[in-house]
């Protein structure tokens, strides 16, 4: 299923690689909207988590996120609309988080650069 490891930088690299290969990313969506949580690193900031695979996202559909389902977002839409919008909202992007919701938290523009720079 997933090639994710305990190494958050390796998980970020995997996210970038898979997003570029599949041309999509995975978020968690419910009737009330997209999953979001407080940052583990920065006070008063929210994080939108995304994964490179549906199966990795599905692992998080428990507890307070039990009503959510893995939902694909086309990479072009993610780059052109989502990331700039999150940047305007001063939100962060959580990438390929583990089951404890731990992993990289990036500025949206930094993630956009990484997704765009690796041809």
PDB file of N, CA and C in Angstrom:
ATOM      1  N   UNK A   1       0.829  -1.183   0.000  1.00  0.00           N
ATOM      2  CA  UNK A   1       0.000   0.000   0.000  1.00  0.00           C
ATOM      3  C   UNK A   1       0.876   1.250   0.000  1.00  0.00           C
ATOM      4  N   UNK A   2       1.337   1.656   1.128  1.00  0.00           N
ATOM      5  CA  UNK A   2       2.064   2.915   1.240  1.00  0.00           C
ATOM      6  C   UNK A   2       3.551   2.675   1.430  1.00  0.00           C
ATOM      7  N   UNK A   3       4.333   3.548   0.848  1.00  0.00           N
ATOM      8  CA  UNK A   3       5.786   3.488   1.039  1.00  0.00           C
ATOM      9  C   UNK A   3       6.243   4.499   2.079  1.00  0.00           C
ATOM     10  N   UNK A   4       5.307   5.070   2.840  1.00  0.00           N
ATOM     11  CA  UNK A   4       5.666   6.071   3.822  1.00  0.00           C
ATOM     12  C   UNK A   4       6.481   5.444   4.944  1.00  0.00           C
ATOM     13  N   UNK A   5       7.343   6.264   5.534  1.00  0.00           N
ATOM     14  CA  UNK A   5       8.228   5.818   6.600  1.00  0.00           C
ATOM     15  C   UNK A   5       8.100   6.762   7.793  1.00  0.00           C
ATOM     16  N   UNK A   6       8.926   6.562   8.795  1.00  0.00           N
ATOM     17  CA  UNK A   6       8.961   7.457   9.952  1.00  0.00           C
ATOM     18  C   UNK A   6       9.735   8.734   9.638  1.00  0.00           C
ATOM     19  N   UNK A   7      10.352   8.804   8.478  1.00  0.00           N
ATOM     20  CA  UNK A   7      11.146   9.956   8.060  1.00  0.00           C
ATOM     21  C   UNK A   7      10.245  10.954   7.322  1.00  0.00           C
ATOM     22  N   UNK A   8       9.919  12.071   7.984  1.00  0.00           N
ATOM     23  CA  UNK A   8       8.974  13.024   7.396  1.00  0.00           C
ATOM     24  C   UNK A   8       9.515  13.663   6.112  1.00  0.00           C
ATOM     25  N   UNK A   9      10.831  13.838   6.004  1.00  0.00           N
ATOM     26  CA  UNK A   9      11.401  14.383   4.761  1.00  0.00           C
ATOM     27  C   UNK A   9      11.243  13.371   3.621  1.00  0.00           C
ATOM     28  N   UNK A  10      11.449  12.093   3.904  1.00  0.00           N
ATOM     29  CA  UNK A  10      11.249  11.059   2.884  1.00  0.00           C
ATOM     30  C   UNK A  10       9.777  11.004   2.466  1.00  0.00           C
ATOM     31  N   UNK A  11       8.874  11.196   3.418  1.00  0.00           N
ATOM     32  CA  UNK A  11       7.448  11.208   3.096  1.00  0.00           C
ATOM     33  C   UNK A  11       7.088  12.412   2.228  1.00  0.00           C
ATOM     34  N   UNK A  12       7.731  13.546   2.485  1.00  0.00           N
ATOM     35  CA  UNK A  12       7.531  14.724   1.642  1.00  0.00           C
ATOM     36  C   UNK A  12       8.036  14.449   0.226  1.00  0.00           C
ATOM     37  N   UNK A  13       9.220  13.866   0.127  1.00  0.00           N
ATOM     38  CA  UNK A  13       9.769  13.533  -1.193  1.00  0.00           C
ATOM     39  C   UNK A  13       8.849  12.572  -1.940  1.00  0.00           C
ATOM     40  N   UNK A  14       8.300  11.593  -1.219  1.00  0.00           N
ATOM     41  CA  UNK A  14       7.366  10.648  -1.821  1.00  0.00           C
ATOM     42  C   UNK A  14       6.115  11.372  -2.310  1.00  0.00           C
ATOM     43  N   UNK A  15       5.616  12.304  -1.504  1.00  0.00           N
ATOM     44  CA  UNK A  15       4.435  13.078  -1.885  1.00  0.00           C
ATOM     45  C   UNK A  15       4.682  13.817  -3.198  1.00  0.00           C
ATOM     46  N   UNK A  16       5.804  14.510  -3.283  1.00  0.00           N
ATOM     47  CA  UNK A  16       6.130  15.278  -4.492  1.00  0.00           C
ATOM     48  C   UNK A  16       6.242  14.344  -5.695  1.00  0.00           C
ATOM     49  N   UNK A  17       6.949  13.240  -5.520  1.00  0.00           N
ATOM     50  CA  UNK A  17       7.132  12.285  -6.615  1.00  0.00           C
ATOM     51  C   UNK A  17       5.788  11.732  -7.088  1.00  0.00           C
ATOM     52  N   UNK A  18       4.963  11.255  -6.157  1.00  0.00           N
ATOM     53  CA  UNK A  18       3.683  10.644  -6.525  1.00  0.00           C
ATOM     54  C   UNK A  18       2.710  11.671  -7.103  1.00  0.00           C
ATOM     55  N   UNK A  19       2.687  12.856  -6.527  1.00  0.00           N
ATOM     56  CA  UNK A  19       1.779  13.888  -7.049  1.00  0.00           C
ATOM     57  C   UNK A  19       2.122  14.220  -8.502  1.00  0.00           C
ATOM     58  N   UNK A  20       3.388  14.277  -8.793  1.00  0.00           N
ATOM     59  CA  UNK A  20       3.809  14.571 -10.157  1.00  0.00           C
ATOM     60  C   UNK A  20       3.514  13.407 -11.091  1.00  0.00           C
ATOM     61  N   UNK A  21       3.638  12.172 -10.596  1.00  0.00           N
ATOM     62  CA  UNK A  21       3.368  10.993 -11.429  1.00  0.00           C
ATOM     63  C   UNK A  21       1.876  10.820 -11.691  1.00  0.00           C
ATOM     64  N   UNK A  22       1.060  10.941 -10.644  1.00  0.00           N
ATOM     65  CA  UNK A  22      -0.375  10.663 -10.768  1.00  0.00           C
ATOM     66  C   UNK A  22      -1.182  11.903 -11.126  1.00  0.00           C
ATOM     67  N   UNK A  23      -0.570  13.083 -10.979  1.00  0.00           N
ATOM     68  CA  UNK A  23      -1.220  14.364 -11.258  1.00  0.00           C
ATOM     69  C   UNK A  23      -2.402  14.618 -10.320  1.00  0.00           C
ATOM     70  N   UNK A  24      -2.305  14.064  -9.085  1.00  0.00           N
ATOM     71  CA  UNK A  24      -3.337  14.337  -8.091  1.00  0.00           C
ATOM     72  C   UNK A  24      -2.773  14.188  -6.687  1.00  0.00           C
ATOM     73  N   UNK A  25      -3.489  14.776  -5.745  1.00  0.00           N
ATOM     74  CA  UNK A  25      -3.204  14.614  -4.324  1.00  0.00           C
ATOM     75  C   UNK A  25      -4.518  14.217  -3.655  1.00  0.00           C
ATOM     76  N   UNK A  26      -4.425  13.760  -2.420  1.00  0.00           N
ATOM     77  CA  UNK A  26      -5.605  13.293  -1.695  1.00  0.00           C
ATOM     78  C   UNK A  26      -5.807  14.083  -0.416  1.00  0.00           C
ATOM     79  N   UNK A  27      -7.022  14.599  -0.226  1.00  0.00           N
ATOM     80  CA  UNK A  27      -7.417  15.243   1.013  1.00  0.00           C
ATOM     81  C   UNK A  27      -8.566  14.464   1.619  1.00  0.00           C
ATOM     82  N   UNK A  28      -9.028  14.900   2.784  1.00  0.00           N
ATOM     83  CA  UNK A  28     -10.171  14.274   3.434  1.00  0.00           C
ATOM     84  C   UNK A  28     -11.336  15.246   3.400  1.00  0.00           C
ATOM     85  N   UNK A  29     -12.461  14.797   2.844  1.00  0.00           N
ATOM     86  CA  UNK A  29     -13.619  15.659   2.696  1.00  0.00           C
ATOM     87  C   UNK A  29     -14.854  15.013   3.310  1.00  0.00           C
ATOM     88  N   UNK A  30     -15.663  15.852   3.946  1.00  0.00           N
ATOM     89  CA  UNK A  30     -16.954  15.435   4.502  1.00  0.00           C
ATOM     90  C   UNK A  30     -17.992  16.456   4.043  1.00  0.00           C
ATOM     91  N   UNK A  31     -19.241  16.234   4.420  1.00  0.00           N
ATOM     92  CA  UNK A  31     -20.307  17.161   4.037  1.00  0.00           C
ATOM     93  C   UNK A  31     -20.010  18.583   4.525  1.00  0.00           C
ATOM     94  N   UNK A  32     -19.345  18.684   5.672  1.00  0.00           N
ATOM     95  CA  UNK A  32     -19.066  20.014   6.240  1.00  0.00           C
ATOM     96  C   UNK A  32     -17.810  20.660   5.666  1.00  0.00           C
ATOM     97  N   UNK A  33     -17.095  19.973   4.791  1.00  0.00           N
ATOM     98  CA  UNK A  33     -15.907  20.564   4.176  1.00  0.00           C
ATOM     99  C   UNK A  33     -14.690  19.668   4.308  1.00  0.00           C
ATOM    100  N   UNK A  34     -13.534  20.264   4.132  1.00  0.00           N
ATOM    101  CA  UNK A  34     -12.261  19.550   4.131  1.00  0.00           C
ATOM    102  C   UNK A  34     -11.681  19.475   5.535  1.00  0.00           C
ATOM    103  N   UNK A  35     -10.980  18.384   5.810  1.00  0.00           N
ATOM    104  CA  UNK A  35     -10.337  18.199   7.116  1.00  0.00           C
ATOM    105  C   UNK A  35      -9.248  19.248   7.328  1.00  0.00           C
ATOM    106  N   UNK A  36      -9.201  19.770   8.520  1.00  0.00           N
ATOM    107  CA  UNK A  36      -8.203  20.750   8.915  1.00  0.00           C
ATOM    108  C   UNK A  36      -7.943  20.552  10.405  1.00  0.00           C
ATOM    109  N   UNK A  37      -6.751  20.892  10.846  1.00  0.00           N
ATOM    110  CA  UNK A  37      -6.438  20.784  12.273  1.00  0.00           C
ATOM    111  C   UNK A  37      -5.437  21.860  12.662  1.00  0.00           C
ATOM    112  N   UNK A  38      -5.188  21.951  13.943  1.00  0.00           N
ATOM    113  CA  UNK A  38      -4.208  22.918  14.437  1.00  0.00           C
ATOM    114  C   UNK A  38      -2.803  22.443  14.114  1.00  0.00           C
ATOM    115  N   UNK A  39      -1.920  23.389  13.901  1.00  0.00           N
ATOM    116  CA  UNK A  39      -0.522  23.079  13.632  1.00  0.00           C
ATOM    117  C   UNK A  39       0.133  22.472  14.865  1.00  0.00           C
ATOM    118  N   UNK A  40       1.015  21.493  14.633  1.00  0.00           N
ATOM    119  CA  UNK A  40       1.826  20.936  15.708  1.00  0.00           C
ATOM    120  C   UNK A  40       3.025  21.820  16.013  1.00  0.00           C
ATOM    121  N   UNK A  41       3.371  22.693  15.061  1.00  0.00           N
ATOM    122  CA  UNK A  41       4.601  23.475  15.167  1.00  0.00           C
ATOM    123  C   UNK A  41       4.398  24.957  15.441  1.00  0.00           C
ATOM    124  N   UNK A  42       3.274  25.507  14.970  1.00  0.00           N
ATOM    125  CA  UNK A  42       3.080  26.961  15.045  1.00  0.00           C
ATOM    126  C   UNK A  42       1.745  27.286  15.691  1.00  0.00           C
ATOM    127  N   UNK A  43       1.807  28.088  16.734  1.00  0.00           N
ATOM    128  CA  UNK A  43       0.606  28.472  17.451  1.00  0.00           C
ATOM    129  C   UNK A  43      -0.292  29.321  16.553  1.00  0.00           C
ATOM    130  N   UNK A  44      -1.585  29.105  16.649  1.00  0.00           N
ATOM    131  CA  UNK A  44      -2.603  29.882  15.944  1.00  0.00           C
ATOM    132  C   UNK A  44      -2.622  29.691  14.432  1.00  0.00           C
ATOM    133  N   UNK A  45      -2.007  28.635  13.920  1.00  0.00           N
ATOM    134  CA  UNK A  45      -2.096  28.345  12.491  1.00  0.00           C
ATOM    135  C   UNK A  45      -2.827  27.022  12.295  1.00  0.00           C
ATOM    136  N   UNK A  46      -3.564  26.930  11.201  1.00  0.00           N
ATOM    137  CA  UNK A  46      -4.237  25.687  10.862  1.00  0.00           C
ATOM    138  C   UNK A  46      -3.497  25.007   9.719  1.00  0.00           C
ATOM    139  N   UNK A  47      -3.698  23.706   9.641  1.00  0.00           N
ATOM    140  CA  UNK A  47      -3.026  22.897   8.626  1.00  0.00           C
ATOM    141  C   UNK A  47      -4.083  22.078   7.878  1.00  0.00           C
ATOM    142  N   UNK A  48      -3.965  22.081   6.573  1.00  0.00           N
ATOM    143  CA  UNK A  48      -4.768  21.203   5.727  1.00  0.00           C
ATOM    144  C   UNK A  48      -3.890  20.007   5.367  1.00  0.00           C
ATOM    145  N   UNK A  49      -4.272  18.800   5.792  1.00  0.00           N
ATOM    146  CA  UNK A  49      -3.451  17.631   5.484  1.00  0.00           C
ATOM    147  C   UNK A  49      -3.779  17.048   4.107  1.00  0.00           C
ATOM    148  N   UNK A  50      -2.725  16.595   3.425  1.00  0.00           N
ATOM    149  CA  UNK A  50      -2.866  15.942   2.126  1.00  0.00           C
ATOM    150  C   UNK A  50      -1.920  14.759   2.059  1.00  0.00           C
ATOM    151  N   UNK A  51      -2.303  13.769   1.261  1.00  0.00           N
ATOM    152  CA  UNK A  51      -1.511  12.563   1.099  1.00  0.00           C
ATOM    153  C   UNK A  51      -1.308  12.267  -0.377  1.00  0.00           C
ATOM    154  N   UNK A  52      -0.317  11.428  -0.655  1.00  0.00           N
ATOM    155  CA  UNK A  52      -0.005  11.078  -2.039  1.00  0.00           C
ATOM    156  C   UNK A  52      -0.809   9.869  -2.512  1.00  0.00           C
ATOM    157  N   UNK A  53      -1.486   9.180  -1.590  1.00  0.00           N
ATOM    158  CA  UNK A  53      -2.245   7.979  -1.943  1.00  0.00           C
ATOM    159  C   UNK A  53      -3.557   7.943  -1.165  1.00  0.00           C
ATOM    160  N   UNK A  54      -4.586   7.404  -1.796  1.00  0.00           N
ATOM    161  CA  UNK A  54      -5.889   7.280  -1.139  1.00  0.00           C
ATOM    162  C   UNK A  54      -5.797   6.411   0.117  1.00  0.00           C
ATOM    163  N   UNK A  55      -5.043   5.318   0.046  1.00  0.00           N
ATOM    164  CA  UNK A  55      -4.934   4.417   1.185  1.00  0.00           C
ATOM    165  C   UNK A  55      -4.325   5.079   2.406  1.00  0.00           C
ATOM    166  N   UNK A  56      -3.345   5.927   2.191  1.00  0.00           N
ATOM    167  CA  UNK A  56      -2.719   6.639   3.312  1.00  0.00           C
ATOM    168  C   UNK A  56      -3.692   7.639   3.922  1.00  0.00           C
ATOM    169  N   UNK A  57      -4.476   8.293   3.077  1.00  0.00           N
ATOM    170  CA  UNK A  57      -5.487   9.224   3.580  1.00  0.00           C
ATOM    171  C   UNK A  57      -6.571   8.470   4.351  1.00  0.00           C
ATOM    172  N   UNK A  58      -6.977   7.310   3.836  1.00  0.00           N
ATOM    173  CA  UNK A  58      -8.052   6.522   4.453  1.00  0.00           C
ATOM    174  C   UNK A  58      -7.720   6.141   5.893  1.00  0.00           C
ATOM    175  N   UNK A  59      -6.457   5.913   6.201  1.00  0.00           N
ATOM    176  CA  UNK A  59      -6.050   5.545   7.558  1.00  0.00           C
ATOM    177  C   UNK A  59      -6.457   6.588   8.595  1.00  0.00           C
ATOM    178  N   UNK A  60      -6.720   7.805   8.149  1.00  0.00           N
ATOM    179  CA  UNK A  60      -7.034   8.901   9.064  1.00  0.00           C
ATOM    180  C   UNK A  60      -8.533   9.142   9.225  1.00  0.00           C
ATOM    181  N   UNK A  61      -9.347   8.322   8.581  1.00  0.00           N
ATOM    182  CA  UNK A  61     -10.805   8.488   8.636  1.00  0.00           C
ATOM    183  C   UNK A  61     -11.376   7.773   9.857  1.00  0.00           C
ATOM    184  N   UNK A  62     -10.891   8.166  11.027  1.00  0.00           N
ATOM    185  CA  UNK A  62     -11.330   7.600  12.296  1.00  0.00           C
ATOM    186  C   UNK A  62     -11.540   8.739  13.289  1.00  0.00           C
ATOM    187  N   UNK A  63     -12.125   8.426  14.414  1.00  0.00           N
ATOM    188  CA  UNK A  63     -12.313   9.428  15.459  1.00  0.00           C
ATOM    189  C   UNK A  63     -13.062  10.641  14.945  1.00  0.00           C
ATOM    190  N   UNK A  64     -12.524  11.820  15.211  1.00  0.00           N
ATOM    191  CA  UNK A  64     -13.221  13.037  14.799  1.00  0.00           C
ATOM    192  C   UNK A  64     -13.285  13.184  13.275  1.00  0.00           C
ATOM    193  N   UNK A  65     -12.496  12.407  12.557  1.00  0.00           N
ATOM    194  CA  UNK A  65     -12.537  12.448  11.084  1.00  0.00           C
ATOM    195  C   UNK A  65     -13.241  11.213  10.502  1.00  0.00           C
ATOM    196  N   UNK A  66     -14.047  10.535  11.302  1.00  0.00           N
ATOM    197  CA  UNK A  66     -14.708   9.315  10.824  1.00  0.00           C
ATOM    198  C   UNK A  66     -15.732   9.594   9.728  1.00  0.00           C
ATOM    199  N   UNK A  67     -16.232  10.801   9.646  1.00  0.00           N
ATOM    200  CA  UNK A  67     -17.208  11.161   8.611  1.00  0.00           C
ATOM    201  C   UNK A  67     -16.546  11.606   7.308  1.00  0.00           C
ATOM    202  N   UNK A  68     -15.225  11.648   7.296  1.00  0.00           N
ATOM    203  CA  UNK A  68     -14.495  12.105   6.112  1.00  0.00           C
ATOM    204  C   UNK A  68     -14.135  10.929   5.212  1.00  0.00           C
ATOM    205  N   UNK A  69     -13.891  11.233   3.954  1.00  0.00           N
ATOM    206  CA  UNK A  69     -13.475  10.214   2.985  1.00  0.00           C
ATOM    207  C   UNK A  69     -12.333  10.763   2.139  1.00  0.00           C
ATOM    208  N   UNK A  70     -11.394   9.909   1.738  1.00  0.00           N
ATOM    209  CA  UNK A  70     -10.324  10.355   0.844  1.00  0.00           C
ATOM    210  C   UNK A  70     -10.923  10.878  -0.457  1.00  0.00           C
ATOM    211  N   UNK A  71     -10.480  12.051  -0.853  1.00  0.00           N
ATOM    212  CA  UNK A  71     -11.012  12.705  -2.041  1.00  0.00           C
ATOM    213  C   UNK A  71      -9.852  13.243  -2.876  1.00  0.00           C
ATOM    214  N   UNK A  72      -9.798  12.863  -4.157  1.00  0.00           N
ATOM    215  CA  UNK A  72      -8.696  13.333  -4.995  1.00  0.00           C
ATOM    216  C   UNK A  72      -8.875  14.783  -5.425  1.00  0.00           C
ATOM    217  N   UNK A  73      -7.760  15.462  -5.577  1.00  0.00           N
ATOM    218  CA  UNK A  73      -7.724  16.828  -6.116  1.00  0.00           C
ATOM    219  C   UNK A  73      -6.701  16.807  -7.249  1.00  0.00           C
ATOM    220  N   UNK A  74      -7.098  17.240  -8.419  1.00  0.00           N
ATOM    221  CA  UNK A  74      -6.178  17.280  -9.552  1.00  0.00           C
ATOM    222  C   UNK A  74      -5.011  18.214  -9.228  1.00  0.00           C
ATOM    223  N   UNK A  75      -3.816  17.806  -9.596  1.00  0.00           N
ATOM    224  CA  UNK A  75      -2.620  18.574  -9.251  1.00  0.00           C
ATOM    225  C   UNK A  75      -2.665  19.995  -9.791  1.00  0.00           C
ATOM    226  N   UNK A  76      -3.121  20.188 -11.019  1.00  0.00           N
ATOM    227  CA  UNK A  76      -3.171  21.546 -11.577  1.00  0.00           C
ATOM    228  C   UNK A  76      -4.084  22.451 -10.750  1.00  0.00           C
ATOM    229  N   UNK A  77      -5.227  21.924 -10.319  1.00  0.00           N
ATOM    230  CA  UNK A  77      -6.138  22.691  -9.473  1.00  0.00           C
ATOM    231  C   UNK A  77      -5.493  22.970  -8.120  1.00  0.00           C
ATOM    232  N   UNK A  78      -4.802  21.974  -7.579  1.00  0.00           N
ATOM    233  CA  UNK A  78      -4.103  22.127  -6.301  1.00  0.00           C
ATOM    234  C   UNK A  78      -3.065  23.244  -6.385  1.00  0.00           C
ATOM    235  N   UNK A  79      -2.294  23.250  -7.481  1.00  0.00           N
ATOM    236  CA  UNK A  79      -1.248  24.260  -7.666  1.00  0.00           C
ATOM    237  C   UNK A  79      -1.815  25.643  -7.960  1.00  0.00           C
ATOM    238  N   UNK A  80      -2.868  25.698  -8.776  1.00  0.00           N
ATOM    239  CA  UNK A  80      -3.378  26.993  -9.249  1.00  0.00           C
ATOM    240  C   UNK A  80      -4.376  27.646  -8.305  1.00  0.00           C
ATOM    241  N   UNK A  81      -5.087  26.843  -7.524  1.00  0.00           N
ATOM    242  CA  UNK A  81      -6.163  27.392  -6.697  1.00  0.00           C
ATOM    243  C   UNK A  81      -5.969  27.116  -5.206  1.00  0.00           C
ATOM    244  N   UNK A  82      -5.762  25.843  -4.870  1.00  0.00           N
ATOM    245  CA  UNK A  82      -5.677  25.476  -3.461  1.00  0.00           C
ATOM    246  C   UNK A  82      -4.500  26.130  -2.744  1.00  0.00           C
ATOM    247  N   UNK A  83      -3.310  25.931  -3.274  1.00  0.00           N
ATOM    248  CA  UNK A  83      -2.124  26.446  -2.567  1.00  0.00           C
ATOM    249  C   UNK A  83      -2.128  27.959  -2.460  1.00  0.00           C
ATOM    250  N   UNK A  84      -2.454  28.708  -3.525  1.00  0.00           N
ATOM    251  CA  UNK A  84      -2.547  30.168  -3.355  1.00  0.00           C
ATOM    252  C   UNK A  84      -3.625  30.576  -2.346  1.00  0.00           C
ATOM    253  N   UNK A  85      -4.744  29.855  -2.336  1.00  0.00           N
ATOM    254  CA  UNK A  85      -5.804  30.165  -1.376  1.00  0.00           C
ATOM    255  C   UNK A  85      -5.382  29.916   0.058  1.00  0.00           C
ATOM    256  N   UNK A  86      -4.684  28.808   0.287  1.00  0.00           N
ATOM    257  CA  UNK A  86      -4.188  28.520   1.632  1.00  0.00           C
ATOM    258  C   UNK A  86      -3.151  29.554   2.052  1.00  0.00           C
ATOM    259  N   UNK A  87      -2.339  29.993   1.096  1.00  0.00           N
ATOM    260  CA  UNK A  87      -1.352  31.025   1.400  1.00  0.00           C
ATOM    261  C   UNK A  87      -2.043  32.321   1.821  1.00  0.00           C
ATOM    262  N   UNK A  88      -3.082  32.710   1.102  1.00  0.00           N
ATOM    263  CA  UNK A  88      -3.837  33.926   1.445  1.00  0.00           C
ATOM    264  C   UNK A  88      -4.482  33.805   2.821  1.00  0.00           C
ATOM    265  N   UNK A  89      -4.910  32.590   3.179  1.00  0.00           N
ATOM    266  CA  UNK A  89      -5.554  32.349   4.474  1.00  0.00           C
ATOM    267  C   UNK A  89      -4.552  32.121   5.602  1.00  0.00           C
ATOM    268  N   UNK A  90      -3.255  32.204   5.288  1.00  0.00           N
ATOM    269  CA  UNK A  90      -2.202  31.979   6.273  1.00  0.00           C
ATOM    270  C   UNK A  90      -2.315  30.585   6.902  1.00  0.00           C
ATOM    271  N   UNK A  91      -2.622  29.598   6.053  1.00  0.00           N
ATOM    272  CA  UNK A  91      -2.716  28.207   6.504  1.00  0.00           C
ATOM    273  C   UNK A  91      -1.479  27.451   6.013  1.00  0.00           C
ATOM    274  N   UNK A  92      -1.232  26.306   6.621  1.00  0.00           N
ATOM    275  CA  UNK A  92      -0.112  25.461   6.237  1.00  0.00           C
ATOM    276  C   UNK A  92      -0.625  24.195   5.561  1.00  0.00           C
ATOM    277  N   UNK A  93       0.284  23.477   4.932  1.00  0.00           N
ATOM    278  CA  UNK A  93      -0.042  22.225   4.266  1.00  0.00           C
ATOM    279  C   UNK A  93       0.685  21.098   5.005  1.00  0.00           C
ATOM    280  N   UNK A  94      -0.065  20.097   5.449  1.00  0.00           N
ATOM    281  CA  UNK A  94       0.515  18.917   6.076  1.00  0.00           C
ATOM    282  C   UNK A  94       0.674  17.837   5.018  1.00  0.00           C
ATOM    283  N   UNK A  95       1.861  17.274   4.921  1.00  0.00           N
ATOM    284  CA  UNK A  95       2.175  16.361   3.820  1.00  0.00           C
ATOM    285  C   UNK A  95       2.435  14.938   4.317  1.00  0.00           C
ATOM    286  N   UNK A  96       1.657  13.980   3.775  1.00  0.00           N
ATOM    287  CA  UNK A  96       1.842  12.553   4.065  1.00  0.00           C
ATOM    288  C   UNK A  96       2.061  12.295   5.557  1.00  0.00           C
ATOM    289  N   UNK A  97       1.131  12.823   6.370  1.00  0.00           N
ATOM    290  CA  UNK A  97       1.240  12.634   7.811  1.00  0.00           C
ATOM    291  C   UNK A  97       1.040  11.185   8.194  1.00  0.00           C
ATOM    292  N   UNK A  98       1.675  10.812   9.303  1.00  0.00           N
ATOM    293  CA  UNK A  98       1.507   9.461   9.828  1.00  0.00           C
ATOM    294  C   UNK A  98       0.221   9.387  10.649  1.00  0.00           C
ATOM    295  N   UNK A  99      -0.024   8.236  11.265  1.00  0.00           N
ATOM    296  CA  UNK A  99      -1.278   8.036  11.986  1.00  0.00           C
ATOM    297  C   UNK A  99      -1.413   8.912  13.225  1.00  0.00           C
ATOM    298  N   UNK A 100      -0.311   9.475  13.711  1.00  0.00           N
ATOM    299  CA  UNK A 100      -0.360  10.397  14.847  1.00  0.00           C
ATOM    300  C   UNK A 100      -0.494  11.844  14.380  1.00  0.00           C
ATOM    301  N   UNK A 101      -0.791  12.030  13.089  1.00  0.00           N
ATOM    302  CA  UNK A 101      -0.889  13.366  12.485  1.00  0.00           C
ATOM    303  C   UNK A 101       0.401  14.147  12.667  1.00  0.00           C
ATOM    304  N   UNK A 102       1.487  13.457  12.434  1.00  0.00           N
ATOM    305  CA  UNK A 102       2.802  14.058  12.554  1.00  0.00           C
ATOM    306  C   UNK A 102       3.502  13.979  11.206  1.00  0.00           C
ATOM    307  N   UNK A 103       4.208  15.047  10.871  1.00  0.00           N
ATOM    308  CA  UNK A 103       4.946  15.087   9.620  1.00  0.00           C
ATOM    309  C   UNK A 103       5.240  16.521   9.228  1.00  0.00           C
ATOM    310  N   UNK A 104       5.642  16.698   7.997  1.00  0.00           N
ATOM    311  CA  UNK A 104       6.006  18.025   7.509  1.00  0.00           C
ATOM    312  C   UNK A 104       4.797  18.958   7.463  1.00  0.00           C
ATOM    313  N   UNK A 105       5.032  20.198   7.899  1.00  0.00           N
ATOM    314  CA  UNK A 105       4.069  21.295   7.751  1.00  0.00           C
ATOM    315  C   UNK A 105       4.784  22.369   6.960  1.00  0.00           C
ATOM    316  N   UNK A 106       4.246  22.674   5.775  1.00  0.00           N
ATOM    317  CA  UNK A 106       4.920  23.597   4.872  1.00  0.00           C
ATOM    318  C   UNK A 106       4.073  24.811   4.553  1.00  0.00           C
ATOM    319  N   UNK A 107       4.753  25.894   4.222  1.00  0.00           N
ATOM    320  CA  UNK A 107       4.071  27.034   3.635  1.00  0.00           C
ATOM    321  C   UNK A 107       3.566  26.582   2.267  1.00  0.00           C
ATOM    322  N   UNK A 108       2.346  26.940   1.887  1.00  0.00           N
ATOM    323  CA  UNK A 108       1.816  26.510   0.592  1.00  0.00           C
ATOM    324  C   UNK A 108       2.712  26.873  -0.596  1.00  0.00           C
ATOM    325  N   UNK A 109       3.313  28.039  -0.556  1.00  0.00           N
ATOM    326  CA  UNK A 109       4.158  28.467  -1.673  1.00  0.00           C
ATOM    327  C   UNK A 109       5.422  27.606  -1.761  1.00  0.00           C
ATOM    328  N   UNK A 110       5.952  27.187  -0.614  1.00  0.00           N
ATOM    329  CA  UNK A 110       7.123  26.296  -0.623  1.00  0.00           C
ATOM    330  C   UNK A 110       6.780  24.959  -1.268  1.00  0.00           C
ATOM    331  N   UNK A 111       5.587  24.433  -0.951  1.00  0.00           N
ATOM    332  CA  UNK A 111       5.177  23.182  -1.566  1.00  0.00           C
ATOM    333  C   UNK A 111       4.953  23.368  -3.063  1.00  0.00           C
ATOM    334  N   UNK A 112       4.359  24.472  -3.446  1.00  0.00           N
ATOM    335  CA  UNK A 112       4.139  24.749  -4.874  1.00  0.00           C
ATOM    336  C   UNK A 112       5.466  24.758  -5.629  1.00  0.00           C
ATOM    337  N   UNK A 113       6.488  25.362  -5.029  1.00  0.00           N
ATOM    338  CA  UNK A 113       7.809  25.381  -5.671  1.00  0.00           C
ATOM    339  C   UNK A 113       8.353  23.972  -5.846  1.00  0.00           C
ATOM    340  N   UNK A 114       8.227  23.154  -4.820  1.00  0.00           N
ATOM    341  CA  UNK A 114       8.753  21.782  -4.904  1.00  0.00           C
ATOM    342  C   UNK A 114       8.003  20.972  -5.960  1.00  0.00           C
ATOM    343  N   UNK A 115       6.694  21.147  -6.024  1.00  0.00           N
ATOM    344  CA  UNK A 115       5.911  20.407  -7.014  1.00  0.00           C
ATOM    345  C   UNK A 115       6.214  20.880  -8.431  1.00  0.00           C
ATOM    346  N   UNK A 116       6.572  22.130  -8.578  1.00  0.00           N
ATOM    347  CA  UNK A 116       6.843  22.708  -9.902  1.00  0.00           C
ATOM    348  C   UNK A 116       8.271  22.509 -10.365  1.00  0.00           C
ATOM    349  N   UNK A 117       9.229  22.413  -9.437  1.00  0.00           N
ATOM    350  CA  UNK A 117      10.649  22.407  -9.784  1.00  0.00           C
ATOM    351  C   UNK A 117      11.198  21.060 -10.214  1.00  0.00           C
ATOM    352  N   UNK A 118      10.500  19.986  -9.922  1.00  0.00           N
ATOM    353  CA  UNK A 118      11.074  18.655 -10.153  1.00  0.00           C
ATOM    354  C   UNK A 118      10.552  18.044 -11.453  1.00  0.00           C
ATOM    355  N   UNK A 119      11.094  18.424 -12.538  1.00  0.00           N
ATOM    356  CA  UNK A 119      10.670  17.874 -13.840  1.00  0.00           C
ATOM    357  C   UNK A 119      11.467  16.657 -14.212  1.00  0.00           C
TER     358      UNK A 119
END
